[in-house]
Amino acid sequence: MVTTGRPRERRLIEFTDRQGRPVRFRPAATGAGLGLDLGAQVPVVHLPEQPESARAFTRRHRLSRIVGLLTGGVLFLGAAVPATLTR
């Protein structure tokens, strides 16, 4: 569940692990359009032994990481190819 509400602050997600202990974390991906409204239910994934490794498991959060890596790769290749061809 999303539990904090200032618009420019990263949201805080809270869940309970298998032992019933509360775990809180802030998602790595932030920004407009990621769908973390106050009080919303958010799917979370983590390793069973490491609830502190939790991640928000929404489609938008997964795609934001992929799009970021793809954009970085294209920019790198865009700079590397001309530098190599001008040698």
PDB file of N, CA and C in Angstrom:
ATOM      1  N   MET A   1       0.837  -1.166   0.000  1.00  0.00           N
ATOM      2  CA  MET A   1       0.000   0.000   0.000  1.00  0.00           C
ATOM      3  C   MET A   1       0.887   1.236   0.000  1.00  0.00           C
ATOM      4  N   VAL A   2       0.506   2.241  -0.761  1.00  0.00           N
ATOM      5  CA  VAL A   2       1.259   3.486  -0.829  1.00  0.00           C
ATOM      6  C   VAL A   2       0.836   4.342   0.353  1.00  0.00           C
ATOM      7  N   THR A   3       1.818   4.841   1.148  1.00  0.00           N
ATOM      8  CA  THR A   3       1.451   5.459   2.417  1.00  0.00           C
ATOM      9  C   THR A   3       1.899   6.890   2.635  1.00  0.00           C
ATOM     10  N   THR A   4       2.544   7.540   1.702  1.00  0.00           N
ATOM     11  CA  THR A   4       2.899   8.938   1.914  1.00  0.00           C
ATOM     12  C   THR A   4       2.367   9.773   0.775  1.00  0.00           C
ATOM     13  N   GLY A   5       2.132  11.075   1.019  1.00  0.00           N
ATOM     14  CA  GLY A   5       1.371  11.783   0.032  1.00  0.00           C
ATOM     15  C   GLY A   5       1.838  13.090  -0.525  1.00  0.00           C
ATOM     16  N   ARG A   6       3.005  13.580  -0.235  1.00  0.00           N
ATOM     17  CA  ARG A   6       3.419  14.836  -0.851  1.00  0.00           C
ATOM     18  C   ARG A   6       3.711  14.593  -2.321  1.00  0.00           C
ATOM     19  N   PRO A   7       3.219  15.471  -3.209  1.00  0.00           N
ATOM     20  CA  PRO A   7       3.341  15.212  -4.643  1.00  0.00           C
ATOM     21  C   PRO A   7       4.773  15.099  -5.156  1.00  0.00           C
ATOM     22  N   ARG A   8       5.720  15.867  -4.621  1.00  0.00           N
ATOM     23  CA  ARG A   8       7.083  15.840  -5.140  1.00  0.00           C
ATOM     24  C   ARG A   8       7.986  14.886  -4.379  1.00  0.00           C
ATOM     25  N   GLU A   9       7.448  14.213  -3.400  1.00  0.00           N
ATOM     26  CA  GLU A   9       8.226  13.272  -2.607  1.00  0.00           C
ATOM     27  C   GLU A   9       8.017  11.866  -3.147  1.00  0.00           C
ATOM     28  N   ARG A  10       9.072  11.068  -3.121  1.00  0.00           N
ATOM     29  CA  ARG A  10       8.913   9.683  -3.564  1.00  0.00           C
ATOM     30  C   ARG A  10       7.968   8.956  -2.627  1.00  0.00           C
ATOM     31  N   ARG A  11       7.117   8.155  -3.186  1.00  0.00           N
ATOM     32  CA  ARG A  11       6.133   7.413  -2.408  1.00  0.00           C
ATOM     33  C   ARG A  11       6.792   6.340  -1.558  1.00  0.00           C
ATOM     34  N   LEU A  12       6.152   6.025  -0.463  1.00  0.00           N
ATOM     35  CA  LEU A  12       6.618   4.990   0.448  1.00  0.00           C
ATOM     36  C   LEU A  12       5.657   3.814   0.339  1.00  0.00           C
ATOM     37  N   ILE A  13       6.182   2.632   0.039  1.00  0.00           N
ATOM     38  CA  ILE A  13       5.352   1.438  -0.093  1.00  0.00           C
ATOM     39  C   ILE A  13       5.578   0.577   1.140  1.00  0.00           C
ATOM     40  N   GLU A  14       4.485   0.090   1.705  1.00  0.00           N
ATOM     41  CA  GLU A  14       4.557  -0.721   2.914  1.00  0.00           C
ATOM     42  C   GLU A  14       3.837  -2.047   2.678  1.00  0.00           C
ATOM     43  N   PHE A  15       4.445  -3.144   3.148  1.00  0.00           N
ATOM     44  CA  PHE A  15       3.824  -4.457   3.077  1.00  0.00           C
ATOM     45  C   PHE A  15       4.323  -5.274   4.252  1.00  0.00           C
ATOM     46  N   THR A  16       3.733  -6.438   4.455  1.00  0.00           N
ATOM     47  CA  THR A  16       4.209  -7.333   5.506  1.00  0.00           C
ATOM     48  C   THR A  16       4.843  -8.557   4.856  1.00  0.00           C
ATOM     49  N   ASP A  17       5.968  -9.014   5.425  1.00  0.00           N
ATOM     50  CA  ASP A  17       6.640 -10.188   4.882  1.00  0.00           C
ATOM     51  C   ASP A  17       5.971 -11.459   5.406  1.00  0.00           C
ATOM     52  N   ARG A  18       6.552 -12.616   5.082  1.00  0.00           N
ATOM     53  CA  ARG A  18       5.937 -13.891   5.473  1.00  0.00           C
ATOM     54  C   ARG A  18       5.888 -14.100   6.980  1.00  0.00           C
ATOM     55  N   GLN A  19       6.780 -13.438   7.713  1.00  0.00           N
ATOM     56  CA  GLN A  19       6.765 -13.547   9.170  1.00  0.00           C
ATOM     57  C   GLN A  19       5.842 -12.519   9.817  1.00  0.00           C
ATOM     58  N   GLY A  20       5.185 -11.708   9.013  1.00  0.00           N
ATOM     59  CA  GLY A  20       4.253 -10.716   9.533  1.00  0.00           C
ATOM     60  C   GLY A  20       4.893  -9.399   9.930  1.00  0.00           C
ATOM     61  N   ARG A  21       6.179  -9.219   9.624  1.00  0.00           N
ATOM     62  CA  ARG A  21       6.867  -7.973   9.956  1.00  0.00           C
ATOM     63  C   ARG A  21       6.585  -6.929   8.889  1.00  0.00           C
ATOM     64  N   PRO A  22       6.332  -5.689   9.295  1.00  0.00           N
ATOM     65  CA  PRO A  22       6.120  -4.630   8.298  1.00  0.00           C
ATOM     66  C   PRO A  22       7.439  -4.249   7.622  1.00  0.00           C
ATOM     67  N   VAL A  23       7.392  -4.046   6.322  1.00  0.00           N
ATOM     68  CA  VAL A  23       8.556  -3.632   5.538  1.00  0.00           C
ATOM     69  C   VAL A  23       8.153  -2.408   4.744  1.00  0.00           C
ATOM     70  N   ARG A  24       8.998  -1.385   4.775  1.00  0.00           N
ATOM     71  CA  ARG A  24       8.737  -0.161   4.017  1.00  0.00           C
ATOM     72  C   ARG A  24       9.902   0.088   3.073  1.00  0.00           C
ATOM     73  N   PHE A  25       9.580   0.587   1.870  1.00  0.00           N
ATOM     74  CA  PHE A  25      10.635   0.952   0.923  1.00  0.00           C
ATOM     75  C   PHE A  25      10.109   1.999  -0.038  1.00  0.00           C
ATOM     76  N   ARG A  26      11.039   2.693  -0.649  1.00  0.00           N
ATOM     77  CA  ARG A  26      10.699   3.683  -1.678  1.00  0.00           C
ATOM     78  C   ARG A  26      11.091   3.089  -3.030  1.00  0.00           C
ATOM     79  N   PRO A  27      10.181   3.130  -4.000  1.00  0.00           N
ATOM     80  CA  PRO A  27      10.508   2.551  -5.305  1.00  0.00           C
ATOM     81  C   PRO A  27      11.621   3.330  -5.993  1.00  0.00           C
ATOM     82  N   ALA A  28      12.458   2.619  -6.734  1.00  0.00           N
ATOM     83  CA  ALA A  28      13.587   3.248  -7.428  1.00  0.00           C
ATOM     84  C   ALA A  28      13.107   4.168  -8.546  1.00  0.00           C
ATOM     85  N   ALA A  29      12.112   3.749  -9.300  1.00  0.00           N
ATOM     86  CA  ALA A  29      11.583   4.554 -10.399  1.00  0.00           C
ATOM     87  C   ALA A  29      10.515   5.487  -9.858  1.00  0.00           C
ATOM     88  N   THR A  30      10.666   6.768 -10.140  1.00  0.00           N
ATOM     89  CA  THR A  30       9.679   7.757  -9.715  1.00  0.00           C
ATOM     90  C   THR A  30       9.323   8.636 -10.896  1.00  0.00           C
ATOM     91  N   GLY A  31       8.267   9.377 -10.754  1.00  0.00           N
ATOM     92  CA  GLY A  31       7.896  10.313 -11.794  1.00  0.00           C
ATOM     93  C   GLY A  31       6.404  10.282 -12.062  1.00  0.00           C
ATOM     94  N   ALA A  32       5.981  11.238 -12.844  1.00  0.00           N
ATOM     95  CA  ALA A  32       4.573  11.338 -13.196  1.00  0.00           C
ATOM     96  C   ALA A  32       4.160  10.128 -14.030  1.00  0.00           C
ATOM     97  N   GLY A  33       2.975   9.641 -13.797  1.00  0.00           N
ATOM     98  CA  GLY A  33       2.446   8.557 -14.604  1.00  0.00           C
ATOM     99  C   GLY A  33       2.834   7.165 -14.173  1.00  0.00           C
ATOM    100  N   LEU A  34       3.474   7.006 -13.014  1.00  0.00           N
ATOM    101  CA  LEU A  34       3.840   5.659 -12.579  1.00  0.00           C
ATOM    102  C   LEU A  34       2.745   5.014 -11.743  1.00  0.00           C
ATOM    103  N   GLY A  35       1.655   5.716 -11.508  1.00  0.00           N
ATOM    104  CA  GLY A  35       0.483   5.097 -10.911  1.00  0.00           C
ATOM    105  C   GLY A  35       0.567   4.781  -9.436  1.00  0.00           C
ATOM    106  N   LEU A  36       1.243   5.602  -8.646  1.00  0.00           N
ATOM    107  CA  LEU A  36       1.320   5.363  -7.211  1.00  0.00           C
ATOM    108  C   LEU A  36       0.488   6.397  -6.461  1.00  0.00           C
ATOM    109  N   ASP A  37      -0.805   6.245  -6.535  1.00  0.00           N
ATOM    110  CA  ASP A  37      -1.689   7.143  -5.817  1.00  0.00           C
ATOM    111  C   ASP A  37      -1.714   6.769  -4.342  1.00  0.00           C
ATOM    112  N   LEU A  38      -1.960   7.744  -3.492  1.00  0.00           N
ATOM    113  CA  LEU A  38      -2.007   7.521  -2.056  1.00  0.00           C
ATOM    114  C   LEU A  38      -3.069   6.488  -1.718  1.00  0.00           C
ATOM    115  N   GLY A  39      -2.687   5.452  -0.976  1.00  0.00           N
ATOM    116  CA  GLY A  39      -3.610   4.405  -0.562  1.00  0.00           C
ATOM    117  C   GLY A  39      -3.819   3.297  -1.577  1.00  0.00           C
ATOM    118  N   ALA A  40      -3.139   3.376  -2.720  1.00  0.00           N
ATOM    119  CA  ALA A  40      -3.313   2.376  -3.776  1.00  0.00           C
ATOM    120  C   ALA A  40      -2.644   1.058  -3.393  1.00  0.00           C
ATOM    121  N   GLN A  41      -3.201  -0.036  -3.842  1.00  0.00           N
ATOM    122  CA  GLN A  41      -2.593  -1.353  -3.677  1.00  0.00           C
ATOM    123  C   GLN A  41      -1.597  -1.538  -4.820  1.00  0.00           C
ATOM    124  N   VAL A  42      -0.369  -1.914  -4.488  1.00  0.00           N
ATOM    125  CA  VAL A  42       0.699  -2.046  -5.473  1.00  0.00           C
ATOM    126  C   VAL A  42       1.292  -3.452  -5.370  1.00  0.00           C
ATOM    127  N   PRO A  43       1.413  -4.191  -6.479  1.00  0.00           N
ATOM    128  CA  PRO A  43       2.073  -5.495  -6.407  1.00  0.00           C
ATOM    129  C   PRO A  43       3.559  -5.320  -6.110  1.00  0.00           C
ATOM    130  N   VAL A  44       4.075  -6.178  -5.235  1.00  0.00           N
ATOM    131  CA  VAL A  44       5.464  -6.103  -4.792  1.00  0.00           C
ATOM    132  C   VAL A  44       6.102  -7.481  -4.969  1.00  0.00           C
ATOM    133  N   VAL A  45       7.359  -7.507  -5.425  1.00  0.00           N
ATOM    134  CA  VAL A  45       8.117  -8.759  -5.517  1.00  0.00           C
ATOM    135  C   VAL A  45       9.410  -8.602  -4.722  1.00  0.00           C
ATOM    136  N   HIS A  46       9.850  -9.718  -4.116  1.00  0.00           N
ATOM    137  CA  HIS A  46      11.117  -9.732  -3.397  1.00  0.00           C
ATOM    138  C   HIS A  46      11.533 -11.175  -3.176  1.00  0.00           C
ATOM    139  N   LEU A  47      12.801 -11.358  -2.865  1.00  0.00           N
ATOM    140  CA  LEU A  47      13.289 -12.684  -2.527  1.00  0.00           C
ATOM    141  C   LEU A  47      12.700 -13.087  -1.174  1.00  0.00           C
ATOM    142  N   PRO A  48      12.310 -14.347  -0.995  1.00  0.00           N
ATOM    143  CA  PRO A  48      11.678 -14.756   0.258  1.00  0.00           C
ATOM    144  C   PRO A  48      12.525 -14.459   1.492  1.00  0.00           C
ATOM    145  N   GLU A  49      13.837 -14.613   1.398  1.00  0.00           N
ATOM    146  CA  GLU A  49      14.711 -14.389   2.546  1.00  0.00           C
ATOM    147  C   GLU A  49      15.121 -12.935   2.698  1.00  0.00           C
ATOM    148  N   GLN A  50      14.823 -12.092   1.704  1.00  0.00           N
ATOM    149  CA  GLN A  50      15.279 -10.703   1.717  1.00  0.00           C
ATOM    150  C   GLN A  50      14.145  -9.746   1.363  1.00  0.00           C
ATOM    151  N   PRO A  51      13.226  -9.502   2.288  1.00  0.00           N
ATOM    152  CA  PRO A  51      12.145  -8.579   1.971  1.00  0.00           C
ATOM    153  C   PRO A  51      12.628  -7.148   1.746  1.00  0.00           C
ATOM    154  N   GLU A  52      13.836  -6.816   2.235  1.00  0.00           N
ATOM    155  CA  GLU A  52      14.364  -5.470   2.007  1.00  0.00           C
ATOM    156  C   GLU A  52      14.774  -5.255   0.550  1.00  0.00           C
ATOM    157  N   SER A  53      14.807  -6.320  -0.252  1.00  0.00           N
ATOM    158  CA  SER A  53      15.123  -6.196  -1.680  1.00  0.00           C
ATOM    159  C   SER A  53      13.871  -5.994  -2.525  1.00  0.00           C
ATOM    160  N   ALA A  54      12.781  -5.603  -1.916  1.00  0.00           N
ATOM    161  CA  ALA A  54      11.489  -5.495  -2.596  1.00  0.00           C
ATOM    162  C   ALA A  54      11.500  -4.456  -3.709  1.00  0.00           C
ATOM    163  N   ARG A  55      10.696  -4.706  -4.716  1.00  0.00           N
ATOM    164  CA  ARG A  55      10.503  -3.804  -5.849  1.00  0.00           C
ATOM    165  C   ARG A  55       9.018  -3.721  -6.165  1.00  0.00           C
ATOM    166  N   ALA A  56       8.596  -2.546  -6.610  1.00  0.00           N
ATOM    167  CA  ALA A  56       7.223  -2.404  -7.112  1.00  0.00           C
ATOM    168  C   ALA A  56       7.146  -3.175  -8.424  1.00  0.00           C
ATOM    169  N   PHE A  57       6.100  -3.950  -8.612  1.00  0.00           N
ATOM    170  CA  PHE A  57       6.005  -4.835  -9.773  1.00  0.00           C
ATOM    171  C   PHE A  57       4.844  -4.433 -10.674  1.00  0.00           C
ATOM    172  N   THR A  58       4.750  -3.142 -10.967  1.00  0.00           N
ATOM    173  CA  THR A  58       3.736  -2.695 -11.908  1.00  0.00           C
ATOM    174  C   THR A  58       4.356  -2.657 -13.300  1.00  0.00           C
ATOM    175  N   ARG A  59       3.532  -2.705 -14.299  1.00  0.00           N
ATOM    176  CA  ARG A  59       4.027  -2.678 -15.674  1.00  0.00           C
ATOM    177  C   ARG A  59       4.810  -1.395 -15.945  1.00  0.00           C
ATOM    178  N   ARG A  60       4.311  -0.290 -15.437  1.00  0.00           N
ATOM    179  CA  ARG A  60       4.993   0.985 -15.670  1.00  0.00           C
ATOM    180  C   ARG A  60       6.366   1.024 -15.017  1.00  0.00           C
ATOM    181  N   HIS A  61       6.514   0.451 -13.825  1.00  0.00           N
ATOM    182  CA  HIS A  61       7.822   0.428 -13.170  1.00  0.00           C
ATOM    183  C   HIS A  61       8.800  -0.464 -13.919  1.00  0.00           C
ATOM    184  N   ARG A  62       8.326  -1.590 -14.420  1.00  0.00           N
ATOM    185  CA  ARG A  62       9.215  -2.469 -15.182  1.00  0.00           C
ATOM    186  C   ARG A  62       9.645  -1.812 -16.490  1.00  0.00           C
ATOM    187  N   LEU A  63       8.711  -1.170 -17.189  1.00  0.00           N
ATOM    188  CA  LEU A  63       9.024  -0.547 -18.470  1.00  0.00           C
ATOM    189  C   LEU A  63       9.933   0.663 -18.322  1.00  0.00           C
ATOM    190  N   SER A  64       9.814   1.393 -17.206  1.00  0.00           N
ATOM    191  CA  SER A  64      10.651   2.585 -17.040  1.00  0.00           C
ATOM    192  C   SER A  64      12.127   2.205 -17.006  1.00  0.00           C
ATOM    193  N   ARG A  65      12.470   1.098 -16.372  1.00  0.00           N
ATOM    194  CA  ARG A  65      13.864   0.651 -16.320  1.00  0.00           C
ATOM    195  C   ARG A  65      14.331   0.212 -17.713  1.00  0.00           C
ATOM    196  N   ILE A  66      13.495  -0.515 -18.434  1.00  0.00           N
ATOM    197  CA  ILE A  66      13.852  -0.994 -19.775  1.00  0.00           C
ATOM    198  C   ILE A  66      14.049   0.182 -20.722  1.00  0.00           C
ATOM    199  N   VAL A  67      13.134   1.143 -20.679  1.00  0.00           N
ATOM    200  CA  VAL A  67      13.231   2.312 -21.561  1.00  0.00           C
ATOM    201  C   VAL A  67      14.483   3.117 -21.233  1.00  0.00           C
ATOM    202  N   GLY A  68      14.802   3.250 -19.953  1.00  0.00           N
ATOM    203  CA  GLY A  68      16.016   3.980 -19.567  1.00  0.00           C
ATOM    204  C   GLY A  68      17.278   3.312 -20.083  1.00  0.00           C
ATOM    205  N   LEU A  69      17.360   1.996 -19.935  1.00  0.00           N
ATOM    206  CA  LEU A  69      18.536   1.271 -20.435  1.00  0.00           C
ATOM    207  C   LEU A  69      18.625   1.322 -21.957  1.00  0.00           C
ATOM    208  N   LEU A  70      17.499   1.199 -22.626  1.00  0.00           N
ATOM    209  CA  LEU A  70      17.484   1.257 -24.084  1.00  0.00           C
ATOM    210  C   LEU A  70      17.910   2.635 -24.579  1.00  0.00           C
ATOM    211  N   THR A  71      17.422   3.680 -23.947  1.00  0.00           N
ATOM    212  CA  THR A  71      17.794   5.040 -24.331  1.00  0.00           C
ATOM    213  C   THR A  71      19.289   5.271 -24.115  1.00  0.00           C
ATOM    214  N   GLY A  72      19.801   4.812 -22.979  1.00  0.00           N
ATOM    215  CA  GLY A  72      21.238   4.950 -22.721  1.00  0.00           C
ATOM    216  C   GLY A  72      22.077   4.208 -23.746  1.00  0.00           C
ATOM    217  N   GLY A  73      21.652   3.005 -24.132  1.00  0.00           N
ATOM    218  CA  GLY A  73      22.369   2.233 -25.137  1.00  0.00           C
ATOM    219  C   GLY A  73      22.374   2.904 -26.499  1.00  0.00           C
ATOM    220  N   VAL A  74      21.235   3.465 -26.880  1.00  0.00           N
ATOM    221  CA  VAL A  74      21.148   4.152 -28.176  1.00  0.00           C
ATOM    222  C   VAL A  74      22.035   5.395 -28.175  1.00  0.00           C
ATOM    223  N   LEU A  75      22.037   6.147 -27.068  1.00  0.00           N
ATOM    224  CA  LEU A  75      22.905   7.324 -26.994  1.00  0.00           C
ATOM    225  C   LEU A  75      24.377   6.935 -27.042  1.00  0.00           C
ATOM    226  N   PHE A  76      24.739   5.860 -26.360  1.00  0.00           N
ATOM    227  CA  PHE A  76      26.122   5.396 -26.383  1.00  0.00           C
ATOM    228  C   PHE A  76      26.535   4.996 -27.799  1.00  0.00           C
ATOM    229  N   LEU A  77      25.701   4.199 -28.460  1.00  0.00           N
ATOM    230  CA  LEU A  77      26.031   3.779 -29.823  1.00  0.00           C
ATOM    231  C   LEU A  77      26.022   4.959 -30.783  1.00  0.00           C
ATOM    232  N   GLY A  78      25.122   5.911 -30.537  1.00  0.00           N
ATOM    233  CA  GLY A  78      25.078   7.105 -31.386  1.00  0.00           C
ATOM    234  C   GLY A  78      26.359   7.917 -31.307  1.00  0.00           C
ATOM    235  N   ALA A  79      27.020   7.883 -30.171  1.00  0.00           N
ATOM    236  CA  ALA A  79      28.293   8.596 -30.030  1.00  0.00           C
ATOM    237  C   ALA A  79      29.469   7.726 -30.448  1.00  0.00           C
ATOM    238  N   ALA A  80      29.412   6.417 -30.202  1.00  0.00           N
ATOM    239  CA  ALA A  80      30.529   5.526 -30.480  1.00  0.00           C
ATOM    240  C   ALA A  80      30.733   5.266 -31.977  1.00  0.00           C
ATOM    241  N   VAL A  81      29.649   5.101 -32.707  1.00  0.00           N
ATOM    242  CA  VAL A  81      29.766   4.779 -34.142  1.00  0.00           C
ATOM    243  C   VAL A  81      30.427   5.932 -34.909  1.00  0.00           C
ATOM    244  N   PRO A  82      29.981   7.183 -34.772  1.00  0.00           N
ATOM    245  CA  PRO A  82      30.683   8.252 -35.494  1.00  0.00           C
ATOM    246  C   PRO A  82      32.133   8.415 -35.058  1.00  0.00           C
ATOM    247  N   ALA A  83      32.413   8.212 -33.768  1.00  0.00           N
ATOM    248  CA  ALA A  83      33.796   8.344 -33.299  1.00  0.00           C
ATOM    249  C   ALA A  83      34.674   7.263 -33.919  1.00  0.00           C
ATOM    250  N   THR A  84      34.143   6.088 -34.098  1.00  0.00           N
ATOM    251  CA  THR A  84      34.900   4.995 -34.696  1.00  0.00           C
ATOM    252  C   THR A  84      35.096   5.220 -36.192  1.00  0.00           C
ATOM    253  N   LEU A  85      34.067   5.732 -36.876  1.00  0.00           N
ATOM    254  CA  LEU A  85      34.153   5.925 -38.328  1.00  0.00           C
ATOM    255  C   LEU A  85      35.052   7.074 -38.713  1.00  0.00           C
ATOM    256  N   THR A  86      35.294   8.024 -37.837  1.00  0.00           N
ATOM    257  CA  THR A  86      36.157   9.165 -38.169  1.00  0.00           C
ATOM    258  C   THR A  86      37.633   8.913 -37.886  1.00  0.00           C
ATOM    259  N   ARG A  87      37.985   7.732 -37.434  1.00  0.00           N
ATOM    260  CA  ARG A  87      39.391   7.389 -37.183  1.00  0.00           C
ATOM    261  C   ARG A  87      40.137   7.198 -38.447  1.00  0.00           C
TER     262      ARG A  87
END
